[in-house]
N, C-alpha and C. Protein backbone atom coordinates (compact mmCIF):
# COMPACT_ATOMS: atom_id res chain seq x y z
N MET A 1 0.83 -1.20 0.00
CA MET A 1 0.00 0.00 0.00
C MET A 1 0.87 1.26 0.00
N THR A 2 1.98 1.20 0.79
CA THR A 2 2.84 2.36 0.87
C THR A 2 3.44 2.71 -0.48
N SER A 3 3.92 1.67 -1.22
CA SER A 3 4.52 1.92 -2.52
C SER A 3 3.49 2.45 -3.50
N GLU A 4 2.21 1.95 -3.38
CA GLU A 4 1.15 2.42 -4.26
C GLU A 4 0.87 3.90 -4.01
N LEU A 5 0.81 4.30 -2.74
CA LEU A 5 0.59 5.71 -2.41
C LEU A 5 1.75 6.56 -2.90
N SER A 6 2.97 6.05 -2.74
CA SER A 6 4.15 6.77 -3.20
C SER A 6 4.09 6.98 -4.70
N LEU A 7 3.68 5.97 -5.42
CA LEU A 7 3.55 6.09 -6.88
C LEU A 7 2.48 7.11 -7.24
N ARG A 8 1.38 7.12 -6.51
CA ARG A 8 0.31 8.09 -6.77
C ARG A 8 0.80 9.51 -6.54
N GLU A 9 1.54 9.69 -5.46
CA GLU A 9 2.06 11.02 -5.18
C GLU A 9 3.06 11.46 -6.24
N ARG A 10 3.86 10.52 -6.74
CA ARG A 10 4.81 10.86 -7.80
C ARG A 10 4.08 11.27 -9.07
N LYS A 11 3.00 10.58 -9.37
CA LYS A 11 2.22 10.92 -10.56
C LYS A 11 1.57 12.29 -10.42
N LYS A 12 1.08 12.60 -9.21
CA LYS A 12 0.47 13.91 -8.97
C LYS A 12 1.51 15.01 -9.10
N LEU A 13 2.70 14.76 -8.58
CA LEU A 13 3.77 15.75 -8.67
C LEU A 13 4.17 15.97 -10.13
N ALA A 14 4.24 14.87 -10.90
CA ALA A 14 4.60 14.98 -12.31
C ALA A 14 3.56 15.78 -13.07
N THR A 15 2.28 15.58 -12.75
CA THR A 15 1.22 16.34 -13.41
C THR A 15 1.30 17.81 -13.06
N ARG A 16 1.53 18.10 -11.79
CA ARG A 16 1.65 19.49 -11.35
C ARG A 16 2.82 20.18 -12.07
N GLU A 17 3.95 19.49 -12.16
CA GLU A 17 5.11 20.07 -12.81
C GLU A 17 4.88 20.26 -14.31
N ALA A 18 4.18 19.32 -14.93
CA ALA A 18 3.88 19.44 -16.36
C ALA A 18 2.96 20.63 -16.62
N LEU A 19 1.98 20.83 -15.77
CA LEU A 19 1.08 21.97 -15.91
C LEU A 19 1.82 23.29 -15.70
N SER A 20 2.68 23.34 -14.70
CA SER A 20 3.44 24.55 -14.45
C SER A 20 4.39 24.85 -15.60
N HIS A 21 5.04 23.82 -16.11
CA HIS A 21 5.95 24.00 -17.25
C HIS A 21 5.19 24.52 -18.47
N ALA A 22 4.00 23.98 -18.69
CA ALA A 22 3.18 24.43 -19.82
C ALA A 22 2.79 25.90 -19.65
N ALA A 23 2.40 26.28 -18.43
CA ALA A 23 2.01 27.67 -18.17
C ALA A 23 3.21 28.60 -18.37
N TRP A 24 4.35 28.20 -17.85
CA TRP A 24 5.56 29.00 -17.98
C TRP A 24 5.95 29.16 -19.45
N SER A 25 5.91 28.07 -20.21
CA SER A 25 6.30 28.11 -21.62
C SER A 25 5.37 29.00 -22.42
N LEU A 26 4.08 28.91 -22.15
CA LEU A 26 3.11 29.77 -22.85
C LEU A 26 3.38 31.24 -22.55
N MET A 27 3.68 31.56 -21.30
CA MET A 27 3.96 32.94 -20.93
C MET A 27 5.19 33.46 -21.66
N VAL A 28 6.26 32.67 -21.67
CA VAL A 28 7.52 33.10 -22.29
C VAL A 28 7.38 33.22 -23.80
N GLU A 29 6.67 32.28 -24.42
CA GLU A 29 6.59 32.23 -25.88
C GLU A 29 5.50 33.12 -26.47
N ARG A 30 4.37 33.27 -25.76
CA ARG A 30 3.24 33.97 -26.35
C ARG A 30 2.73 35.14 -25.52
N GLY A 31 3.22 35.31 -24.31
CA GLY A 31 2.74 36.37 -23.46
C GLY A 31 1.67 35.90 -22.51
N LEU A 32 1.41 36.69 -21.49
CA LEU A 32 0.50 36.28 -20.43
C LEU A 32 -0.93 36.07 -20.92
N ASP A 33 -1.37 36.86 -21.89
CA ASP A 33 -2.75 36.74 -22.37
C ASP A 33 -3.03 35.36 -22.95
N ALA A 34 -2.00 34.69 -23.44
CA ALA A 34 -2.17 33.36 -24.03
C ALA A 34 -2.28 32.26 -22.98
N VAL A 35 -1.97 32.61 -21.73
CA VAL A 35 -1.96 31.61 -20.66
C VAL A 35 -3.34 31.51 -20.05
N THR A 36 -4.15 30.61 -20.57
CA THR A 36 -5.48 30.35 -20.04
C THR A 36 -5.52 28.92 -19.52
N PRO A 37 -6.46 28.60 -18.63
CA PRO A 37 -6.57 27.22 -18.15
C PRO A 37 -6.71 26.22 -19.29
N GLU A 38 -7.49 26.61 -20.31
CA GLU A 38 -7.70 25.70 -21.44
C GLU A 38 -6.41 25.48 -22.23
N ALA A 39 -5.64 26.58 -22.45
CA ALA A 39 -4.39 26.46 -23.19
C ALA A 39 -3.35 25.66 -22.41
N ILE A 40 -3.29 25.91 -21.11
CA ILE A 40 -2.35 25.16 -20.27
C ILE A 40 -2.69 23.67 -20.29
N ALA A 41 -3.97 23.36 -20.12
CA ALA A 41 -4.40 21.96 -20.11
C ALA A 41 -4.10 21.28 -21.43
N ALA A 42 -4.35 21.98 -22.53
CA ALA A 42 -4.10 21.40 -23.85
C ALA A 42 -2.61 21.12 -24.03
N ALA A 43 -1.76 22.07 -23.60
CA ALA A 43 -0.31 21.90 -23.75
C ALA A 43 0.20 20.74 -22.90
N ALA A 44 -0.44 20.50 -21.77
CA ALA A 44 -0.03 19.41 -20.88
C ALA A 44 -0.78 18.12 -21.16
N ASP A 45 -1.69 18.16 -22.13
CA ASP A 45 -2.47 16.99 -22.54
C ASP A 45 -3.35 16.45 -21.41
N VAL A 46 -4.00 17.39 -20.70
CA VAL A 46 -4.98 17.01 -19.67
C VAL A 46 -6.22 17.88 -19.88
N SER A 47 -7.22 17.67 -19.07
CA SER A 47 -8.46 18.44 -19.19
C SER A 47 -8.35 19.73 -18.39
N PRO A 48 -9.11 20.77 -18.76
CA PRO A 48 -9.14 22.00 -17.96
C PRO A 48 -9.55 21.72 -16.51
N ARG A 49 -10.40 20.73 -16.31
CA ARG A 49 -10.80 20.39 -14.94
C ARG A 49 -9.60 19.89 -14.14
N THR A 50 -8.74 19.11 -14.79
CA THR A 50 -7.53 18.64 -14.10
C THR A 50 -6.66 19.81 -13.70
N PHE A 51 -6.52 20.79 -14.60
CA PHE A 51 -5.73 21.97 -14.25
C PHE A 51 -6.28 22.62 -12.99
N ARG A 52 -7.59 22.80 -12.94
CA ARG A 52 -8.20 23.49 -11.79
C ARG A 52 -8.11 22.67 -10.51
N ASN A 53 -7.90 21.36 -10.64
CA ASN A 53 -7.69 20.53 -9.45
C ASN A 53 -6.31 20.74 -8.83
N TYR A 54 -5.39 21.27 -9.63
CA TYR A 54 -4.01 21.44 -9.17
C TYR A 54 -3.65 22.88 -8.85
N PHE A 55 -4.25 23.83 -9.56
CA PHE A 55 -3.89 25.23 -9.36
C PHE A 55 -5.13 26.10 -9.31
N SER A 56 -5.03 27.16 -8.52
CA SER A 56 -6.16 28.09 -8.39
C SER A 56 -6.28 28.99 -9.61
N GLY A 57 -5.21 29.16 -10.36
CA GLY A 57 -5.24 30.00 -11.54
C GLY A 57 -3.90 29.99 -12.23
N ARG A 58 -3.80 30.72 -13.35
CA ARG A 58 -2.57 30.72 -14.14
C ARG A 58 -1.41 31.32 -13.37
N GLU A 59 -1.68 32.30 -12.51
CA GLU A 59 -0.60 32.95 -11.77
C GLU A 59 0.12 31.95 -10.87
N GLU A 60 -0.64 31.16 -10.16
CA GLU A 60 -0.03 30.16 -9.28
C GLU A 60 0.74 29.13 -10.09
N ALA A 61 0.18 28.72 -11.24
CA ALA A 61 0.84 27.73 -12.08
C ALA A 61 2.16 28.25 -12.62
N ILE A 62 2.18 29.51 -13.05
CA ILE A 62 3.40 30.09 -13.60
C ILE A 62 4.49 30.17 -12.53
N LEU A 63 4.14 30.61 -11.34
CA LEU A 63 5.13 30.83 -10.29
C LEU A 63 5.54 29.55 -9.57
N TYR A 64 4.80 28.47 -9.79
CA TYR A 64 5.10 27.21 -9.11
C TYR A 64 6.54 26.76 -9.37
N GLY A 65 6.99 26.88 -10.64
CA GLY A 65 8.34 26.46 -10.97
C GLY A 65 9.39 27.28 -10.24
N ALA A 66 9.17 28.60 -10.16
CA ALA A 66 10.11 29.46 -9.44
C ALA A 66 10.13 29.11 -7.95
N VAL A 67 8.95 28.81 -7.42
CA VAL A 67 8.86 28.44 -6.01
C VAL A 67 9.60 27.14 -5.75
N ARG A 68 9.51 26.20 -6.70
CA ARG A 68 10.22 24.94 -6.55
C ARG A 68 11.73 25.15 -6.52
N ARG A 69 12.22 26.12 -7.34
CA ARG A 69 13.66 26.36 -7.40
C ARG A 69 14.16 27.11 -6.17
N ALA A 70 13.43 28.13 -5.77
CA ALA A 70 13.93 28.97 -4.66
C ALA A 70 12.79 29.47 -3.81
N GLY A 71 11.87 28.59 -3.49
CA GLY A 71 10.73 28.95 -2.67
C GLY A 71 11.00 28.75 -1.20
N PRO A 72 10.00 29.00 -0.37
CA PRO A 72 10.18 28.92 1.08
C PRO A 72 10.72 27.58 1.57
N GLU A 73 10.19 26.46 1.06
CA GLU A 73 10.64 25.16 1.54
C GLU A 73 12.10 24.90 1.17
N ALA A 74 12.48 25.27 -0.07
CA ALA A 74 13.86 25.07 -0.50
C ALA A 74 14.81 25.92 0.35
N ILE A 75 14.42 27.15 0.65
CA ILE A 75 15.25 28.03 1.45
C ILE A 75 15.39 27.50 2.88
N ALA A 76 14.26 27.11 3.45
CA ALA A 76 14.28 26.59 4.83
C ALA A 76 15.15 25.34 4.93
N GLU A 77 15.03 24.45 3.94
CA GLU A 77 15.84 23.23 3.94
C GLU A 77 17.32 23.56 3.85
N ALA A 78 17.67 24.53 3.01
CA ALA A 78 19.07 24.92 2.85
C ALA A 78 19.63 25.53 4.13
N ILE A 79 18.82 26.32 4.82
CA ILE A 79 19.28 26.94 6.07
C ILE A 79 19.47 25.88 7.15
N ARG A 80 18.53 24.95 7.24
CA ARG A 80 18.64 23.90 8.26
C ARG A 80 19.84 22.99 8.02
N ALA A 81 20.32 22.95 6.78
CA ALA A 81 21.46 22.11 6.45
C ALA A 81 22.80 22.77 6.81
N ARG A 82 22.77 24.06 7.16
CA ARG A 82 24.00 24.76 7.52
C ARG A 82 24.49 24.30 8.89
N PRO A 83 25.79 24.44 9.18
CA PRO A 83 26.34 24.02 10.48
C PRO A 83 25.62 24.70 11.64
N ALA A 84 25.38 23.94 12.69
CA ALA A 84 24.59 24.43 13.82
C ALA A 84 25.22 25.65 14.50
N GLY A 85 26.53 25.71 14.58
CA GLY A 85 27.18 26.81 15.28
C GLY A 85 27.47 28.02 14.42
N GLU A 86 27.05 28.00 13.18
CA GLU A 86 27.34 29.09 12.26
C GLU A 86 26.48 30.31 12.60
N ALA A 87 27.05 31.51 12.42
CA ALA A 87 26.29 32.74 12.65
C ALA A 87 25.10 32.78 11.70
N VAL A 88 23.96 33.25 12.20
CA VAL A 88 22.74 33.22 11.41
C VAL A 88 22.88 34.05 10.14
N TRP A 89 23.60 35.17 10.18
CA TRP A 89 23.82 35.97 8.97
C TRP A 89 24.54 35.14 7.91
N ASP A 90 25.58 34.41 8.33
CA ASP A 90 26.34 33.57 7.40
C ASP A 90 25.47 32.44 6.85
N SER A 91 24.67 31.85 7.72
CA SER A 91 23.79 30.76 7.28
C SER A 91 22.82 31.24 6.21
N LEU A 92 22.22 32.41 6.42
CA LEU A 92 21.27 32.95 5.46
C LEU A 92 21.96 33.28 4.13
N ALA A 93 23.11 33.94 4.21
CA ALA A 93 23.82 34.33 2.99
C ALA A 93 24.22 33.12 2.16
N GLU A 94 24.77 32.11 2.82
CA GLU A 94 25.24 30.94 2.10
C GLU A 94 24.07 30.08 1.60
N ALA A 95 23.03 29.95 2.41
CA ALA A 95 21.88 29.13 2.00
C ALA A 95 21.17 29.76 0.80
N LEU A 96 20.92 31.06 0.85
CA LEU A 96 20.21 31.70 -0.25
C LEU A 96 21.06 31.78 -1.51
N SER A 97 22.36 32.01 -1.36
CA SER A 97 23.22 32.04 -2.55
C SER A 97 23.30 30.67 -3.20
N SER A 98 23.14 29.61 -2.40
CA SER A 98 23.12 28.26 -2.96
C SER A 98 21.79 27.97 -3.66
N VAL A 99 20.70 28.38 -3.04
CA VAL A 99 19.38 28.11 -3.60
C VAL A 99 19.18 28.78 -4.96
N VAL A 100 19.67 30.00 -5.12
CA VAL A 100 19.41 30.75 -6.35
C VAL A 100 20.14 30.19 -7.56
N THR A 101 21.05 29.24 -7.37
CA THR A 101 21.72 28.65 -8.53
C THR A 101 20.72 27.97 -9.46
N GLY A 102 19.53 27.66 -8.95
CA GLY A 102 18.51 27.06 -9.81
C GLY A 102 18.01 27.99 -10.91
N PHE A 103 18.32 29.29 -10.77
CA PHE A 103 17.90 30.26 -11.79
C PHE A 103 18.97 30.54 -12.84
N LEU A 104 20.18 30.06 -12.64
CA LEU A 104 21.31 30.51 -13.45
C LEU A 104 21.15 30.22 -14.94
N ASP A 105 20.45 29.16 -15.29
CA ASP A 105 20.25 28.83 -16.70
C ASP A 105 18.96 29.43 -17.26
N HIS A 106 18.32 30.30 -16.49
CA HIS A 106 17.00 30.82 -16.91
C HIS A 106 16.94 32.34 -16.80
N ARG A 107 18.06 33.01 -17.08
CA ARG A 107 18.09 34.47 -16.90
C ARG A 107 17.08 35.17 -17.82
N ASP A 108 17.04 34.80 -19.09
CA ASP A 108 16.11 35.44 -20.02
C ASP A 108 14.66 35.23 -19.59
N HIS A 109 14.35 34.04 -19.10
CA HIS A 109 12.99 33.76 -18.64
C HIS A 109 12.67 34.58 -17.40
N LEU A 110 13.67 34.77 -16.55
CA LEU A 110 13.44 35.57 -15.34
C LEU A 110 13.14 37.02 -15.69
N VAL A 111 13.78 37.53 -16.75
CA VAL A 111 13.49 38.89 -17.22
C VAL A 111 12.03 39.00 -17.62
N VAL A 112 11.56 38.00 -18.38
CA VAL A 112 10.15 37.99 -18.80
C VAL A 112 9.23 37.95 -17.59
N LEU A 113 9.55 37.08 -16.63
CA LEU A 113 8.72 36.95 -15.43
C LEU A 113 8.66 38.25 -14.65
N MET A 114 9.80 38.90 -14.45
CA MET A 114 9.82 40.15 -13.70
C MET A 114 8.97 41.22 -14.38
N ASN A 115 9.04 41.29 -15.70
CA ASN A 115 8.23 42.27 -16.44
C ASN A 115 6.75 41.97 -16.30
N VAL A 116 6.39 40.69 -16.37
CA VAL A 116 4.98 40.31 -16.24
C VAL A 116 4.48 40.65 -14.84
N ILE A 117 5.28 40.40 -13.82
CA ILE A 117 4.89 40.70 -12.45
C ILE A 117 4.64 42.20 -12.27
N ARG A 118 5.51 43.01 -12.86
CA ARG A 118 5.36 44.46 -12.74
C ARG A 118 4.10 44.96 -13.44
N GLU A 119 3.74 44.33 -14.54
CA GLU A 119 2.66 44.85 -15.38
C GLU A 119 1.29 44.26 -15.07
N ASN A 120 1.23 43.16 -14.32
CA ASN A 120 -0.03 42.48 -14.09
C ASN A 120 -0.35 42.41 -12.60
N PRO A 121 -1.42 43.06 -12.14
CA PRO A 121 -1.75 43.08 -10.71
C PRO A 121 -1.95 41.68 -10.11
N ALA A 122 -2.57 40.77 -10.87
CA ALA A 122 -2.81 39.43 -10.33
C ALA A 122 -1.49 38.67 -10.15
N MET A 123 -0.56 38.85 -11.07
CA MET A 123 0.75 38.21 -10.92
C MET A 123 1.51 38.82 -9.75
N LEU A 124 1.41 40.14 -9.60
CA LEU A 124 2.07 40.80 -8.48
C LEU A 124 1.51 40.29 -7.15
N ALA A 125 0.19 40.12 -7.10
CA ALA A 125 -0.44 39.63 -5.88
C ALA A 125 0.05 38.22 -5.54
N GLN A 126 0.12 37.35 -6.53
CA GLN A 126 0.59 35.98 -6.30
C GLN A 126 2.05 35.98 -5.88
N HIS A 127 2.83 36.87 -6.48
CA HIS A 127 4.24 37.02 -6.13
C HIS A 127 4.39 37.45 -4.66
N LEU A 128 3.55 38.38 -4.23
CA LEU A 128 3.60 38.84 -2.84
C LEU A 128 3.17 37.75 -1.87
N VAL A 129 2.20 36.94 -2.28
CA VAL A 129 1.79 35.80 -1.46
C VAL A 129 2.97 34.86 -1.25
N MET A 130 3.72 34.60 -2.32
CA MET A 130 4.88 33.72 -2.23
C MET A 130 5.92 34.28 -1.26
N PHE A 131 6.18 35.60 -1.34
CA PHE A 131 7.18 36.19 -0.47
C PHE A 131 6.70 36.28 0.98
N GLU A 132 5.41 36.47 1.18
CA GLU A 132 4.89 36.48 2.55
C GLU A 132 5.04 35.11 3.18
N ARG A 133 4.78 34.07 2.39
CA ARG A 133 4.96 32.71 2.90
C ARG A 133 6.43 32.47 3.24
N ALA A 134 7.33 32.94 2.37
CA ALA A 134 8.76 32.79 2.64
C ALA A 134 9.14 33.53 3.92
N HIS A 135 8.57 34.72 4.11
CA HIS A 135 8.86 35.50 5.31
C HIS A 135 8.46 34.75 6.57
N ARG A 136 7.26 34.19 6.57
CA ARG A 136 6.78 33.48 7.76
C ARG A 136 7.64 32.24 8.05
N LEU A 137 7.98 31.50 6.99
CA LEU A 137 8.77 30.29 7.19
C LEU A 137 10.20 30.64 7.62
N LEU A 138 10.75 31.69 7.05
CA LEU A 138 12.08 32.12 7.47
C LEU A 138 12.10 32.57 8.92
N MET A 139 11.03 33.22 9.37
CA MET A 139 10.93 33.59 10.77
C MET A 139 11.08 32.37 11.66
N ASP A 140 10.39 31.30 11.30
CA ASP A 140 10.44 30.08 12.10
C ASP A 140 11.85 29.48 12.10
N VAL A 141 12.47 29.43 10.91
CA VAL A 141 13.80 28.82 10.80
C VAL A 141 14.84 29.64 11.55
N ILE A 142 14.76 30.96 11.42
CA ILE A 142 15.70 31.83 12.13
C ILE A 142 15.50 31.70 13.64
N ALA A 143 14.24 31.62 14.06
CA ALA A 143 13.95 31.47 15.48
C ALA A 143 14.51 30.16 16.01
N GLU A 144 14.47 29.11 15.20
CA GLU A 144 15.05 27.82 15.61
C GLU A 144 16.54 27.98 15.90
N ARG A 145 17.22 28.73 15.05
CA ARG A 145 18.67 28.84 15.17
C ARG A 145 19.08 29.75 16.32
N VAL A 146 18.22 30.70 16.69
CA VAL A 146 18.57 31.61 17.79
C VAL A 146 17.74 31.34 19.03
N SER A 147 16.99 30.25 19.02
CA SER A 147 16.18 29.84 20.18
C SER A 147 15.22 30.93 20.63
N ALA A 148 14.49 31.50 19.66
CA ALA A 148 13.52 32.55 19.99
C ALA A 148 12.14 32.13 19.51
N GLU A 149 11.14 32.76 20.06
CA GLU A 149 9.78 32.51 19.63
C GLU A 149 9.50 33.32 18.37
N PRO A 150 9.08 32.66 17.26
CA PRO A 150 8.92 33.38 15.99
C PRO A 150 7.90 34.49 16.02
N ASP A 151 6.86 34.39 16.83
CA ASP A 151 5.83 35.41 16.86
C ASP A 151 6.14 36.54 17.84
N CYS A 152 7.23 36.38 18.60
CA CYS A 152 7.54 37.38 19.63
C CYS A 152 8.87 38.08 19.40
N ASP A 153 9.78 37.43 18.72
CA ASP A 153 11.12 37.97 18.60
C ASP A 153 11.23 38.96 17.45
N LEU A 154 11.49 40.22 17.79
CA LEU A 154 11.58 41.27 16.78
C LEU A 154 12.72 41.01 15.81
N GLY A 155 13.83 40.53 16.34
CA GLY A 155 14.98 40.27 15.48
C GLY A 155 14.70 39.24 14.42
N SER A 156 14.00 38.16 14.78
CA SER A 156 13.67 37.12 13.80
C SER A 156 12.80 37.66 12.69
N ARG A 157 11.83 38.50 13.08
CA ARG A 157 10.93 39.09 12.07
C ARG A 157 11.71 40.00 11.12
N LEU A 158 12.54 40.87 11.70
CA LEU A 158 13.29 41.81 10.87
C LEU A 158 14.28 41.10 9.97
N LEU A 159 14.98 40.11 10.50
CA LEU A 159 15.98 39.41 9.71
C LEU A 159 15.32 38.60 8.60
N ALA A 160 14.17 38.00 8.88
CA ALA A 160 13.44 37.25 7.85
C ALA A 160 13.01 38.18 6.73
N GLY A 161 12.50 39.37 7.11
CA GLY A 161 12.10 40.34 6.10
C GLY A 161 13.30 40.82 5.28
N ALA A 162 14.42 41.04 5.96
CA ALA A 162 15.63 41.48 5.27
C ALA A 162 16.13 40.41 4.29
N ALA A 163 16.02 39.15 4.70
CA ALA A 163 16.46 38.05 3.83
C ALA A 163 15.60 37.98 2.57
N CYS A 164 14.29 38.13 2.73
CA CYS A 164 13.38 38.13 1.58
C CYS A 164 13.69 39.29 0.65
N LEU A 165 13.94 40.46 1.22
CA LEU A 165 14.26 41.63 0.42
C LEU A 165 15.59 41.46 -0.30
N ALA A 166 16.57 40.88 0.38
CA ALA A 166 17.87 40.63 -0.25
C ALA A 166 17.72 39.70 -1.44
N LEU A 167 16.91 38.67 -1.29
CA LEU A 167 16.69 37.73 -2.39
C LEU A 167 15.99 38.41 -3.55
N GLN A 168 14.92 39.14 -3.26
CA GLN A 168 14.16 39.80 -4.31
C GLN A 168 15.01 40.83 -5.05
N THR A 169 15.76 41.64 -4.29
CA THR A 169 16.60 42.67 -4.90
C THR A 169 17.68 42.05 -5.78
N SER A 170 18.28 40.97 -5.30
CA SER A 170 19.33 40.30 -6.08
C SER A 170 18.77 39.75 -7.39
N LEU A 171 17.60 39.13 -7.33
CA LEU A 171 16.98 38.60 -8.54
C LEU A 171 16.66 39.71 -9.52
N GLU A 172 16.13 40.83 -9.02
CA GLU A 172 15.78 41.95 -9.89
C GLU A 172 17.02 42.54 -10.55
N MET A 173 18.08 42.77 -9.76
CA MET A 173 19.29 43.36 -10.33
C MET A 173 19.94 42.43 -11.35
N TRP A 174 19.93 41.14 -11.07
CA TRP A 174 20.51 40.17 -12.00
C TRP A 174 19.70 40.13 -13.30
N ALA A 175 18.37 40.17 -13.17
CA ALA A 175 17.51 40.19 -14.36
C ALA A 175 17.71 41.46 -15.17
N GLU A 176 18.06 42.55 -14.50
CA GLU A 176 18.26 43.83 -15.18
C GLU A 176 19.63 43.96 -15.82
N GLY A 177 20.51 42.95 -15.62
CA GLY A 177 21.80 42.96 -16.31
C GLY A 177 23.01 43.13 -15.44
N ALA A 178 22.90 42.93 -14.14
CA ALA A 178 24.07 43.04 -13.27
C ALA A 178 25.17 42.10 -13.75
N THR A 179 26.42 42.59 -13.73
CA THR A 179 27.54 41.77 -14.20
C THR A 179 27.99 40.75 -13.16
N ASP A 180 27.68 40.98 -11.91
CA ASP A 180 28.00 40.00 -10.87
C ASP A 180 27.12 38.77 -11.04
N THR A 181 27.61 37.64 -10.56
CA THR A 181 26.77 36.44 -10.59
C THR A 181 25.64 36.59 -9.59
N LEU A 182 24.58 35.84 -9.79
CA LEU A 182 23.44 35.91 -8.88
C LEU A 182 23.82 35.50 -7.45
N PRO A 183 24.55 34.40 -7.24
CA PRO A 183 24.97 34.09 -5.87
C PRO A 183 25.80 35.19 -5.23
N ASP A 184 26.68 35.83 -6.02
CA ASP A 184 27.49 36.92 -5.47
C ASP A 184 26.62 38.11 -5.08
N LEU A 185 25.59 38.40 -5.87
CA LEU A 185 24.67 39.49 -5.52
C LEU A 185 23.98 39.21 -4.20
N VAL A 186 23.59 37.97 -3.98
CA VAL A 186 22.95 37.61 -2.70
C VAL A 186 23.93 37.83 -1.55
N ARG A 187 25.17 37.37 -1.71
CA ARG A 187 26.17 37.55 -0.65
C ARG A 187 26.44 39.03 -0.40
N GLN A 188 26.54 39.82 -1.49
CA GLN A 188 26.77 41.25 -1.33
C GLN A 188 25.60 41.93 -0.61
N SER A 189 24.38 41.49 -0.91
CA SER A 189 23.21 42.06 -0.26
C SER A 189 23.27 41.84 1.25
N PHE A 190 23.63 40.62 1.65
CA PHE A 190 23.72 40.34 3.08
C PHE A 190 24.89 41.08 3.72
N ALA A 191 25.97 41.24 2.98
CA ALA A 191 27.12 41.97 3.53
C ALA A 191 26.74 43.43 3.79
N GLN A 192 25.99 44.01 2.85
CA GLN A 192 25.57 45.41 3.03
C GLN A 192 24.58 45.54 4.19
N LEU A 193 23.64 44.62 4.28
CA LEU A 193 22.68 44.67 5.39
C LEU A 193 23.38 44.50 6.73
N ARG A 194 24.31 43.56 6.76
CA ARG A 194 25.02 43.28 8.01
C ARG A 194 25.87 44.46 8.44
N ALA A 195 26.38 45.22 7.44
CA ALA A 195 27.22 46.38 7.74
C ALA A 195 26.39 47.63 8.01
N GLY A 196 25.08 47.51 8.03
CA GLY A 196 24.22 48.65 8.29
C GLY A 196 23.98 49.53 7.09
N LEU A 197 24.05 48.93 5.88
CA LEU A 197 23.82 49.67 4.63
C LEU A 197 24.71 50.91 4.54
N PRO A 198 26.00 50.71 4.34
CA PRO A 198 26.92 51.86 4.25
C PRO A 198 26.75 52.59 2.92
N LEU A 199 25.70 53.38 2.80
CA LEU A 199 25.41 54.09 1.56
C LEU A 199 26.53 55.07 1.23
N GLY A 200 26.86 55.14 -0.05
CA GLY A 200 27.93 56.02 -0.48
C GLY A 200 29.26 55.31 -0.58
N SER A 201 29.35 54.12 0.03
CA SER A 201 30.58 53.35 -0.06
C SER A 201 30.68 52.74 -1.44
N HIS A 202 31.90 52.55 -1.92
CA HIS A 202 32.10 51.94 -3.23
C HIS A 202 32.35 50.45 -3.12
N THR A 203 32.22 49.89 -1.94
CA THR A 203 32.42 48.46 -1.76
C THR A 203 31.10 47.74 -1.90
N ASN A 204 31.18 46.48 -2.35
CA ASN A 204 30.00 45.62 -2.47
C ASN A 204 28.92 46.24 -3.35
N ARG A 205 29.31 46.91 -4.39
CA ARG A 205 28.32 47.49 -5.31
C ARG A 205 28.39 46.76 -6.63
N SER A 206 27.24 46.34 -7.13
CA SER A 206 27.21 45.62 -8.38
C SER A 206 27.18 46.59 -9.55
N THR A 207 27.80 46.20 -10.65
CA THR A 207 27.82 47.01 -11.85
C THR A 207 26.72 46.55 -12.79
N ILE A 208 25.96 47.51 -13.32
CA ILE A 208 24.89 47.21 -14.25
C ILE A 208 25.37 47.53 -15.66
N ASP A 209 25.14 46.61 -16.59
CA ASP A 209 25.50 46.84 -17.99
C ASP A 209 24.69 48.00 -18.54
N THR A 210 25.32 48.83 -19.35
CA THR A 210 24.64 49.94 -20.00
C THR A 210 24.70 49.76 -21.50
C-alpha cells in the first residue's frame, strides 16, 4: 500500500510540474494573455478540470516552478542544512546564494517573469503571497537557530524580512543585467545589510550593464 501511495504522489507531482511548465512556456513564448486554463491543459495533454484541481489560476501555475527552485521550503531546507554553530547571517547568505543557482540557466525567462509581475496586478499579488509565505517560514527557521519565539522575537521578524528583500533585490538586479553572478549578488546584499547599509561606499556594489 505504501509503494502504491508513493507512486500516486509521484504521478500527482509529475502532473503538477507538467502543468506549471506548460504555463511558464506559454507565458515566455506567447505572453500572459495566451496563458489560459484551457491552453495550459491542452499543452499538458490534460483536461481544464484537471488543471483546476491542481492550481487556483494561471498565476499560481506560472510561479510554481520558481517556487520549486527557490521557494520557502527550499530556502528553509538549505538553512537547516548549515552548520549548527554558524552565525545566522552567514547561514542565510550561504543558504540563499546556494538556492538561487537554480535560476542561473534561466536568466532570459526571469526577465520575462519580472516584467509580467510588474505589469499584471494578479501576478504581483501571487508574487507577494509567495514572499509572505517565505517571510513566515524564514521567521520560524531563524527562530530555531537563535532559540527565539517566531511570533515574539523582533529580530527574527526583521531578519526574515531582510532576507526576503535581499533575495528579491538580487533577482531583480541580475535580471536587469548586473555583471556579478546571482549568488554573489545575494552575498553582497547580506554583507551590506550586516554592515548597516553603508550608503555612499564603493564596496559591495554591483555594476549594471549599460
